[in-house]
Protein backbone atom coordinates (compact mmCIF):
# COMPACT_ATOMS: atom_id res chain seq x y z
CA UNK A 1 96.32 99.02 114.46
CA UNK A 2 95.72 101.43 111.61
CA UNK A 3 93.82 100.24 108.56
CA UNK A 4 94.30 101.94 105.20
CA UNK A 5 91.98 101.39 102.26
CA UNK A 6 92.77 102.80 98.83
CA UNK A 7 90.23 103.48 96.12
CA UNK A 8 89.93 105.39 92.86
CA UNK A 9 92.18 103.36 90.61
CA UNK A 10 91.19 102.46 87.09
CA UNK A 11 92.02 102.69 83.41
CA UNK A 12 92.73 106.07 81.84
CA UNK A 13 94.28 107.32 78.63
CA UNK A 14 97.64 109.05 78.54
CA UNK A 15 97.24 112.70 79.44
CA UNK A 16 94.21 112.00 81.58
CA UNK A 17 93.65 112.42 85.29
CA UNK A 18 92.73 110.24 88.21
CA UNK A 19 92.30 110.83 91.93
CA UNK A 20 93.16 108.16 94.45
CA UNK A 21 91.80 108.12 97.98
CA UNK A 22 93.18 106.51 101.12
CA UNK A 23 90.76 106.18 104.01
CA UNK A 24 92.33 105.56 107.41
CA UNK A 25 90.55 103.87 110.29
CA UNK A 26 91.51 102.65 113.72
CA UNK A 27 94.10 104.48 115.73
CA UNK A 28 95.77 107.44 114.08
CA UNK A 29 98.29 109.97 115.31
CA UNK A 30 98.92 113.56 114.35
CA UNK A 31 102.63 112.83 114.04
CA UNK A 32 102.12 110.28 111.25
CA UNK A 33 103.35 110.88 107.75
CA UNK A 34 101.12 109.59 104.99
CA UNK A 35 102.75 108.33 101.84
CA UNK A 36 101.93 106.97 98.43
CA UNK A 37 104.08 104.30 96.84
CA UNK A 38 103.69 102.45 93.58
CA UNK A 39 104.92 99.19 92.16
CA UNK A 40 104.96 98.34 88.48
CA UNK A 41 105.32 94.76 87.20
CA UNK A 42 108.89 93.57 87.51
CA UNK A 43 109.99 96.65 89.45
CA UNK A 44 110.63 97.48 93.07
CA UNK A 45 108.14 99.49 95.06
CA UNK A 46 108.98 103.18 94.74
CA UNK A 47 108.10 106.29 96.67
CA UNK A 48 105.64 108.73 95.08
CA UNK A 49 104.58 111.40 97.57
CA UNK A 50 104.23 112.18 101.27
CA UNK A 51 102.28 114.55 103.48
CA UNK A 52 102.15 115.27 107.21
CA UNK A 53 98.92 115.21 109.21
CA UNK A 54 99.98 118.17 111.32
CA UNK A 55 100.68 120.67 108.55
CA UNK A 56 100.63 121.09 104.77
CA UNK A 57 104.23 120.06 104.11
CA UNK A 58 104.56 117.73 101.15
CA UNK A 59 107.31 115.90 99.33
CA UNK A 60 107.32 114.33 95.85
CA UNK A 61 109.43 112.00 93.81
CA UNK A 62 111.06 113.75 90.86
CA UNK A 63 109.18 111.52 88.43
CA UNK A 64 105.79 112.90 89.49
CA UNK A 65 106.63 116.42 90.63
CA UNK A 66 104.44 118.97 88.89
CA UNK A 67 101.91 116.32 87.81
CA UNK A 68 100.76 114.72 91.07
CA UNK A 69 99.38 116.45 94.15
CA UNK A 70 99.00 114.87 97.57
CA UNK A 71 96.44 116.34 99.95
CA UNK A 72 94.48 115.42 103.04
CA UNK A 73 91.16 115.91 104.78
CA UNK A 74 91.75 115.41 108.48
CA UNK A 75 88.03 115.49 109.28
CA UNK A 76 87.54 112.49 106.99
CA UNK A 77 90.84 110.80 107.89
CA UNK A 78 91.48 110.61 104.18
CA UNK A 79 94.54 111.28 102.02
CA UNK A 80 94.28 111.90 98.30
CA UNK A 81 96.60 111.66 95.34
CA UNK A 82 95.51 113.78 92.40
CA UNK A 83 97.28 112.51 89.29
CA UNK A 84 97.31 114.68 86.19
CA UNK A 85 99.05 114.36 82.83
CA UNK A 86 99.27 110.63 83.33
CA UNK A 87 101.79 108.64 81.32
CA UNK A 88 101.94 104.93 80.51
CA UNK A 89 104.99 104.80 82.79
CA UNK A 90 102.68 105.65 85.70
CA UNK A 91 100.97 102.29 85.35
CA UNK A 92 101.36 100.47 88.66
CA UNK A 93 99.63 99.33 91.80
CA UNK A 94 99.46 102.34 94.09
CA UNK A 95 99.74 101.82 97.83
CA UNK A 96 98.92 104.11 100.72
CA UNK A 97 101.21 103.95 103.75
CA UNK A 98 101.66 105.52 107.17
CA UNK A 99 104.60 105.88 109.51
CA UNK A 100 106.19 108.18 112.08
CA UNK A 101 109.45 108.82 110.23
CA UNK A 102 110.53 112.26 108.97
CA UNK A 103 108.66 113.59 105.96
CA UNK A 104 111.55 113.09 103.54
CA UNK A 105 112.07 109.40 104.31
CA UNK A 106 111.31 107.53 101.10
CA UNK A 107 112.08 103.89 101.85
CA UNK A 108 109.38 101.23 102.07
CA UNK A 109 110.01 100.67 105.79
CA UNK A 110 106.62 101.96 106.89
CA UNK A 111 104.38 100.95 109.78
CA UNK A 112 101.19 100.34 107.84
CA UNK A 113 100.22 99.52 104.26
CA UNK A 114 96.98 99.64 102.37
CA UNK A 115 95.96 96.85 100.00
CA UNK A 116 96.74 98.80 96.85
CA UNK A 117 94.72 100.02 93.90
CA UNK A 118 95.55 99.42 90.24
CA UNK A 119 96.21 102.36 87.94
CA UNK A 120 96.57 101.61 84.25
CA UNK A 121 97.44 104.32 81.73
CA UNK A 122 97.00 103.45 78.07
CA UNK A 123 98.70 105.12 75.11
């Protein structure tokens, strides 16, 4: 089993920045893709960003492209989501996930989920 624990959520004003962390423990594999999803009240869970453990390839949803950056620190088994120019529409619970699917797979059919961390962006 792989355990994922998110942290770094909080309350920020529109235009501000926040960095989320996802610490992985247990068994991990170099072939895994790490992903961030988010779910706002009354909405379905949506894909945000993905990164591979084995290289620096990344993929972003159009809604966050240019504002969010996904990165990793393999030595720490940690994935980050740097969120800049935050908008109220970014308010959601953000979830870290891991799976072995291709990088560009965006569905919620992942192998492992974190518990989520709340991000609230005020006007």
